[in-house]
Amino acid sequence: MKIELLDKQYEIKEISYKKRREIYQLNVKAFWDNKVDPDLYYEVLNKCFELSGLSEDDIKDLSMVEVDQLLQKILTSYLGIEKKENGAWVFTS
């Protein structure tokens, strides 16, 4: 699967249904009751990095904000959602 950020493409691993469910469940907990738990959210992003197959060399030239943006794109790809231009989130799969 390819993810694009800042005019660069990153090849990330496909993951199983079971792994997607694990990420989904962590993500739901991070936003439970309309409150954001930053620790849990970063746990979700770190899990995405771990599963993606990317290495530290792949992200060494990115700022921390850019790393977060990349990991958020990976997260939404794994969950099958994307943000439309109008700001709405839609399921793609």
N, C-alpha and C. Protein backbone atom coordinates (compact mmCIF):
# COMPACT_ATOMS: atom_id res chain seq x y z
N MET A 1 0.86 -1.16 0.00
CA MET A 1 0.00 0.00 0.00
C MET A 1 0.91 1.23 0.00
N LYS A 2 0.53 2.24 -0.75
CA LYS A 2 1.32 3.46 -0.82
C LYS A 2 0.60 4.60 -0.11
N ILE A 3 1.39 5.38 0.63
CA ILE A 3 0.91 6.57 1.32
C ILE A 3 1.75 7.73 0.81
N GLU A 4 1.09 8.84 0.49
CA GLU A 4 1.83 10.00 0.01
C GLU A 4 1.75 11.13 1.03
N LEU A 5 2.90 11.74 1.26
CA LEU A 5 2.98 12.90 2.16
C LEU A 5 4.12 13.78 1.68
N LEU A 6 3.85 15.04 1.52
CA LEU A 6 4.86 16.02 1.12
C LEU A 6 5.59 15.59 -0.15
N ASP A 7 4.83 15.19 -1.14
CA ASP A 7 5.37 14.80 -2.45
C ASP A 7 6.30 13.60 -2.39
N LYS A 8 6.19 12.79 -1.35
CA LYS A 8 6.97 11.57 -1.25
C LYS A 8 6.02 10.41 -1.00
N GLN A 9 6.32 9.27 -1.63
CA GLN A 9 5.50 8.08 -1.41
C GLN A 9 6.21 7.12 -0.47
N TYR A 10 5.43 6.55 0.42
CA TYR A 10 5.92 5.57 1.38
C TYR A 10 5.20 4.26 1.13
N GLU A 11 5.94 3.19 1.06
CA GLU A 11 5.37 1.86 0.90
C GLU A 11 5.16 1.29 2.30
N ILE A 12 3.91 1.00 2.62
CA ILE A 12 3.63 0.42 3.94
C ILE A 12 3.01 -0.96 3.77
N LYS A 13 3.20 -1.76 4.79
CA LYS A 13 2.68 -3.13 4.75
C LYS A 13 1.17 -3.15 4.88
N GLU A 14 0.56 -4.09 4.18
CA GLU A 14 -0.85 -4.41 4.42
C GLU A 14 -0.91 -5.14 5.75
N ILE A 15 -2.02 -4.98 6.45
CA ILE A 15 -2.15 -5.69 7.73
C ILE A 15 -3.43 -6.52 7.72
N SER A 16 -3.48 -7.46 8.62
CA SER A 16 -4.63 -8.38 8.70
C SER A 16 -5.84 -7.69 9.31
N TYR A 17 -6.98 -8.33 9.15
CA TYR A 17 -8.22 -7.86 9.77
C TYR A 17 -8.03 -7.75 11.29
N LYS A 18 -7.40 -8.75 11.88
CA LYS A 18 -7.18 -8.76 13.34
C LYS A 18 -6.38 -7.54 13.78
N LYS A 19 -5.33 -7.20 13.06
CA LYS A 19 -4.51 -6.03 13.40
C LYS A 19 -5.30 -4.74 13.20
N ARG A 20 -6.11 -4.67 12.13
CA ARG A 20 -6.94 -3.48 11.91
C ARG A 20 -7.92 -3.30 13.07
N ARG A 21 -8.50 -4.41 13.55
CA ARG A 21 -9.42 -4.34 14.69
C ARG A 21 -8.70 -3.84 15.94
N GLU A 22 -7.48 -4.32 16.17
CA GLU A 22 -6.72 -3.86 17.33
C GLU A 22 -6.50 -2.35 17.28
N ILE A 23 -6.12 -1.86 16.10
CA ILE A 23 -5.89 -0.42 15.93
C ILE A 23 -7.20 0.34 16.12
N TYR A 24 -8.26 -0.18 15.55
CA TYR A 24 -9.57 0.47 15.67
C TYR A 24 -9.98 0.58 17.14
N GLN A 25 -9.81 -0.50 17.89
CA GLN A 25 -10.21 -0.50 19.30
C GLN A 25 -9.37 0.49 20.10
N LEU A 26 -8.07 0.55 19.84
CA LEU A 26 -7.22 1.54 20.52
C LEU A 26 -7.66 2.95 20.17
N ASN A 27 -7.98 3.17 18.91
CA ASN A 27 -8.39 4.49 18.45
C ASN A 27 -9.70 4.92 19.11
N VAL A 28 -10.65 4.00 19.21
CA VAL A 28 -11.93 4.32 19.87
C VAL A 28 -11.68 4.71 21.33
N LYS A 29 -10.82 3.98 22.01
CA LYS A 29 -10.52 4.30 23.41
C LYS A 29 -9.86 5.67 23.54
N ALA A 30 -9.05 6.04 22.55
CA ALA A 30 -8.35 7.33 22.59
C ALA A 30 -9.32 8.50 22.48
N PHE A 31 -10.49 8.26 21.89
CA PHE A 31 -11.48 9.33 21.71
C PHE A 31 -12.79 9.04 22.43
N TRP A 32 -12.72 8.26 23.51
CA TRP A 32 -13.91 7.83 24.22
C TRP A 32 -14.62 9.00 24.89
N ASP A 33 -15.93 8.98 24.82
CA ASP A 33 -16.79 9.95 25.51
C ASP A 33 -16.48 11.40 25.09
N ASN A 34 -16.15 11.56 23.81
CA ASN A 34 -15.83 12.88 23.23
C ASN A 34 -14.66 13.58 23.92
N LYS A 35 -13.77 12.79 24.50
CA LYS A 35 -12.56 13.33 25.12
C LYS A 35 -11.37 12.64 24.48
N VAL A 36 -10.32 13.41 24.24
CA VAL A 36 -9.12 12.85 23.64
C VAL A 36 -8.14 12.48 24.74
N ASP A 37 -7.67 11.24 24.70
CA ASP A 37 -6.61 10.79 25.60
C ASP A 37 -5.32 10.78 24.79
N PRO A 38 -4.48 11.81 24.93
CA PRO A 38 -3.28 11.90 24.09
C PRO A 38 -2.34 10.70 24.23
N ASP A 39 -2.24 10.14 25.42
CA ASP A 39 -1.36 8.98 25.60
C ASP A 39 -1.84 7.80 24.76
N LEU A 40 -3.14 7.55 24.80
CA LEU A 40 -3.69 6.45 24.00
C LEU A 40 -3.59 6.75 22.51
N TYR A 41 -3.79 8.01 22.14
CA TYR A 41 -3.70 8.36 20.72
C TYR A 41 -2.29 8.12 20.19
N TYR A 42 -1.29 8.51 20.95
CA TYR A 42 0.08 8.26 20.51
C TYR A 42 0.42 6.77 20.54
N GLU A 43 -0.23 6.03 21.41
CA GLU A 43 -0.08 4.57 21.38
C GLU A 43 -0.60 4.02 20.05
N VAL A 44 -1.72 4.56 19.59
CA VAL A 44 -2.28 4.15 18.29
C VAL A 44 -1.29 4.48 17.17
N LEU A 45 -0.78 5.71 17.16
CA LEU A 45 0.16 6.11 16.11
C LEU A 45 1.43 5.27 16.15
N ASN A 46 1.94 5.00 17.34
CA ASN A 46 3.15 4.16 17.45
C ASN A 46 2.89 2.74 16.96
N LYS A 47 1.70 2.23 17.22
CA LYS A 47 1.34 0.90 16.73
C LYS A 47 1.29 0.90 15.20
N CYS A 48 0.78 1.98 14.61
CA CYS A 48 0.76 2.09 13.15
C CYS A 48 2.18 2.09 12.60
N PHE A 49 3.09 2.80 13.25
CA PHE A 49 4.47 2.81 12.80
C PHE A 49 5.06 1.41 12.86
N GLU A 50 4.83 0.73 13.97
CA GLU A 50 5.35 -0.63 14.16
C GLU A 50 4.85 -1.58 13.08
N LEU A 51 3.57 -1.51 12.76
CA LEU A 51 2.97 -2.43 11.79
C LEU A 51 3.27 -2.05 10.34
N SER A 52 3.58 -0.79 10.10
CA SER A 52 3.73 -0.28 8.74
C SER A 52 4.93 -0.85 7.99
N GLY A 53 5.93 -1.29 8.74
CA GLY A 53 7.16 -1.76 8.10
C GLY A 53 8.14 -0.64 7.81
N LEU A 54 7.78 0.59 8.17
CA LEU A 54 8.71 1.71 7.98
C LEU A 54 9.82 1.60 9.01
N SER A 55 10.96 2.17 8.67
CA SER A 55 12.08 2.19 9.61
C SER A 55 12.37 3.63 10.00
N GLU A 56 13.21 3.81 10.99
CA GLU A 56 13.61 5.16 11.40
C GLU A 56 14.30 5.89 10.25
N ASP A 57 15.01 5.17 9.40
CA ASP A 57 15.65 5.80 8.24
C ASP A 57 14.62 6.41 7.30
N ASP A 58 13.44 5.79 7.20
CA ASP A 58 12.39 6.29 6.32
C ASP A 58 11.86 7.65 6.77
N ILE A 59 11.94 7.93 8.05
CA ILE A 59 11.34 9.16 8.58
C ILE A 59 12.36 10.12 9.17
N LYS A 60 13.64 9.82 9.03
CA LYS A 60 14.68 10.61 9.71
C LYS A 60 14.71 12.08 9.28
N ASP A 61 14.27 12.39 8.07
CA ASP A 61 14.31 13.77 7.59
C ASP A 61 13.01 14.52 7.82
N LEU A 62 12.05 13.89 8.49
CA LEU A 62 10.77 14.52 8.77
C LEU A 62 10.78 15.18 10.14
N SER A 63 10.05 16.28 10.27
CA SER A 63 9.85 16.88 11.59
C SER A 63 8.89 15.98 12.37
N MET A 64 8.79 16.20 13.66
CA MET A 64 7.86 15.41 14.47
C MET A 64 6.42 15.62 14.01
N VAL A 65 6.07 16.84 13.61
CA VAL A 65 4.73 17.11 13.11
C VAL A 65 4.48 16.31 11.82
N GLU A 66 5.47 16.27 10.94
CA GLU A 66 5.34 15.52 9.69
C GLU A 66 5.24 14.03 9.96
N VAL A 67 5.98 13.53 10.95
CA VAL A 67 5.87 12.11 11.33
C VAL A 67 4.45 11.82 11.80
N ASP A 68 3.90 12.70 12.63
CA ASP A 68 2.52 12.51 13.09
C ASP A 68 1.54 12.53 11.91
N GLN A 69 1.75 13.43 10.96
CA GLN A 69 0.87 13.49 9.79
C GLN A 69 0.94 12.18 9.00
N LEU A 70 2.15 11.67 8.82
CA LEU A 70 2.32 10.41 8.10
C LEU A 70 1.63 9.27 8.84
N LEU A 71 1.83 9.19 10.14
CA LEU A 71 1.22 8.12 10.92
C LEU A 71 -0.30 8.24 10.94
N GLN A 72 -0.82 9.46 10.93
CA GLN A 72 -2.27 9.65 10.85
C GLN A 72 -2.80 9.18 9.50
N LYS A 73 -2.04 9.42 8.44
CA LYS A 73 -2.46 8.93 7.12
C LYS A 73 -2.45 7.40 7.09
N ILE A 74 -1.44 6.81 7.71
CA ILE A 74 -1.37 5.35 7.79
C ILE A 74 -2.57 4.83 8.57
N LEU A 75 -2.86 5.47 9.70
CA LEU A 75 -4.01 5.07 10.53
C LEU A 75 -5.30 5.11 9.72
N THR A 76 -5.56 6.20 9.03
CA THR A 76 -6.81 6.29 8.28
C THR A 76 -6.85 5.29 7.13
N SER A 77 -5.70 5.00 6.55
CA SER A 77 -5.66 3.98 5.49
C SER A 77 -5.98 2.60 6.07
N TYR A 78 -5.38 2.28 7.20
CA TYR A 78 -5.64 0.99 7.83
C TYR A 78 -7.10 0.86 8.26
N LEU A 79 -7.72 1.96 8.70
CA LEU A 79 -9.11 1.90 9.15
C LEU A 79 -10.10 2.04 8.01
N GLY A 80 -9.59 2.37 6.82
CA GLY A 80 -10.49 2.49 5.67
C GLY A 80 -11.34 3.74 5.68
N ILE A 81 -10.78 4.84 6.18
CA ILE A 81 -11.49 6.11 6.17
C ILE A 81 -10.63 7.18 5.52
N GLU A 82 -11.28 8.19 4.98
CA GLU A 82 -10.53 9.31 4.43
C GLU A 82 -11.32 10.59 4.66
N LYS A 83 -10.57 11.69 4.72
CA LYS A 83 -11.18 13.00 4.94
C LYS A 83 -11.43 13.66 3.59
N LYS A 84 -12.66 14.07 3.37
CA LYS A 84 -13.04 14.76 2.14
C LYS A 84 -12.66 16.24 2.25
N GLU A 85 -12.66 16.93 1.12
CA GLU A 85 -12.30 18.34 1.10
C GLU A 85 -13.19 19.18 2.00
N ASN A 86 -14.45 18.77 2.18
CA ASN A 86 -15.37 19.53 3.03
C ASN A 86 -15.16 19.25 4.52
N GLY A 87 -14.18 18.40 4.85
CA GLY A 87 -13.86 18.09 6.24
C GLY A 87 -14.56 16.87 6.79
N ALA A 88 -15.47 16.30 6.03
CA ALA A 88 -16.20 15.12 6.50
C ALA A 88 -15.34 13.86 6.34
N TRP A 89 -15.46 12.95 7.29
CA TRP A 89 -14.78 11.66 7.23
C TRP A 89 -15.74 10.64 6.63
N VAL A 90 -15.24 9.84 5.68
CA VAL A 90 -16.06 8.80 5.06
C VAL A 90 -15.31 7.50 5.05
N PHE A 91 -16.06 6.40 5.14
CA PHE A 91 -15.45 5.08 5.05
C PHE A 91 -15.22 4.75 3.58
N THR A 92 -14.03 4.22 3.29
CA THR A 92 -13.69 3.87 1.91
C THR A 92 -13.76 2.38 1.67
N SER A 93 -13.86 1.60 2.72
CA SER A 93 -13.95 0.15 2.54
C SER A 93 -14.86 -0.49 3.55
